[in-house]
Structure formats: C-alpha cells, structure tokens
Amino acid sequence: MAERTISEILEALARIETNVRTIAKNSADHEARLRELELKSGKRMDAIILAAISAVIVGVIGYAIGKLF
C-alpha cells in the first residue's frame, strides 16, 4: 500500500512539473507580447509628435516664403 501511495505521489509530481513548465513557457510568451504592445504605443506617439513638428516647420517656411514674395 505504501508503494502505491508513493507511486501516485510521483505521478502527481510529474504532472505538476509538466504543468509548471507549460505555465513558464506561456508566461514568457505573454511577457514578450506585452513588451511589444507597450513599445507600439510609444512609436505611435513618436509619429504623432514628428508629424506635428513637421507641420509647424512647413508652416513657418511657407509663411517666410510668402513674406519674401
């Protein structure tokens, strides 16, 4: 009976180990995805700021050319 209990415990331990490995693998994948999403919003903001600065510069240049001619 003790051998049966020990073998059941070992089987359960093997299943737990498999589950822990799967969870660790999945969490690494989720972490990579989250980092990618975090960077994506930063890139969008950079693009918006660049577009605003470009519009201001083009406006200033256009105004200056308009005053010259």
Protein backbone atom coordinates (compact mmCIF):
# COMPACT_ATOMS: atom_id res chain seq x y z
CA MET A 1 0.00 0.00 0.00
CA ALA A 2 2.84 2.41 0.79
CA GLU A 3 4.41 1.70 -2.59
CA ARG A 4 1.13 2.52 -4.30
CA THR A 5 0.87 5.82 -2.45
CA ILE A 6 4.46 6.72 -3.31
CA SER A 7 3.91 5.90 -6.99
CA GLU A 8 0.73 8.00 -7.02
CA ILE A 9 2.65 10.88 -5.46
CA LEU A 10 5.41 10.53 -8.05
CA GLU A 11 2.87 10.50 -10.89
CA ALA A 12 1.17 13.60 -9.50
CA LEU A 13 4.55 15.28 -9.10
CA ALA A 14 5.39 14.53 -12.74
CA ARG A 15 2.08 16.08 -13.86
CA ILE A 16 2.73 19.15 -11.70
CA GLU A 17 6.20 19.50 -13.19
CA THR A 18 4.76 19.35 -16.71
CA ASN A 19 2.17 21.98 -15.82
CA VAL A 20 4.78 24.27 -14.30
CA ARG A 21 6.93 24.02 -17.44
CA THR A 22 3.94 24.83 -19.63
CA ILE A 23 2.99 27.82 -17.48
CA ALA A 24 6.57 29.13 -17.52
CA LYS A 25 6.74 28.82 -21.31
CA ASN A 26 3.40 30.58 -21.75
CA SER A 27 4.27 33.40 -19.36
CA ALA A 28 7.48 34.12 -21.28
CA ASP A 29 5.44 34.35 -24.48
CA HIS A 30 2.90 36.66 -22.84
CA GLU A 31 5.67 38.87 -21.48
CA ALA A 32 7.16 39.26 -24.95
CA ARG A 33 3.77 40.18 -26.38
CA LEU A 34 3.14 42.76 -23.66
CA ARG A 35 6.52 44.38 -24.25
CA GLU A 36 5.75 44.60 -27.96
CA LEU A 37 2.40 46.27 -27.27
CA GLU A 38 3.99 48.73 -24.85
CA LEU A 39 6.55 49.74 -27.46
CA LYS A 40 3.90 50.08 -30.14
CA SER A 41 2.05 52.86 -28.29
CA GLY A 42 5.32 54.72 -27.80
CA LYS A 43 6.07 54.50 -31.51
CA ARG A 44 2.64 55.94 -32.32
CA MET A 45 3.22 58.88 -30.03
CA ASP A 46 6.61 59.49 -31.62
CA ALA A 47 4.97 59.50 -35.07
CA ILE A 48 2.32 61.99 -33.91
CA ILE A 49 4.93 64.32 -32.43
CA LEU A 50 7.04 64.09 -35.59
CA ALA A 51 4.02 64.94 -37.74
CA ALA A 52 3.18 67.95 -35.53
CA ILE A 53 6.75 69.27 -35.62
CA SER A 54 6.91 68.78 -39.38
CA ALA A 55 3.64 70.68 -39.84
CA VAL A 56 4.92 73.59 -37.75
CA ILE A 57 8.21 73.72 -39.67
CA VAL A 58 6.44 73.60 -43.04
CA GLY A 59 4.08 76.34 -41.85
CA VAL A 60 6.95 78.57 -40.76
CA ILE A 61 8.84 78.02 -44.03
CA GLY A 62 5.66 78.68 -46.04
CA TYR A 63 5.00 81.86 -44.09
CA ALA A 64 8.59 83.05 -44.62
CA ILE A 65 8.46 82.35 -48.36
CA GLY A 66 5.09 84.13 -48.57
CA LYS A 67 6.57 87.25 -46.92
CA LEU A 68 9.54 87.26 -49.30
CA PHE A 69 7.47 87.22 -52.47
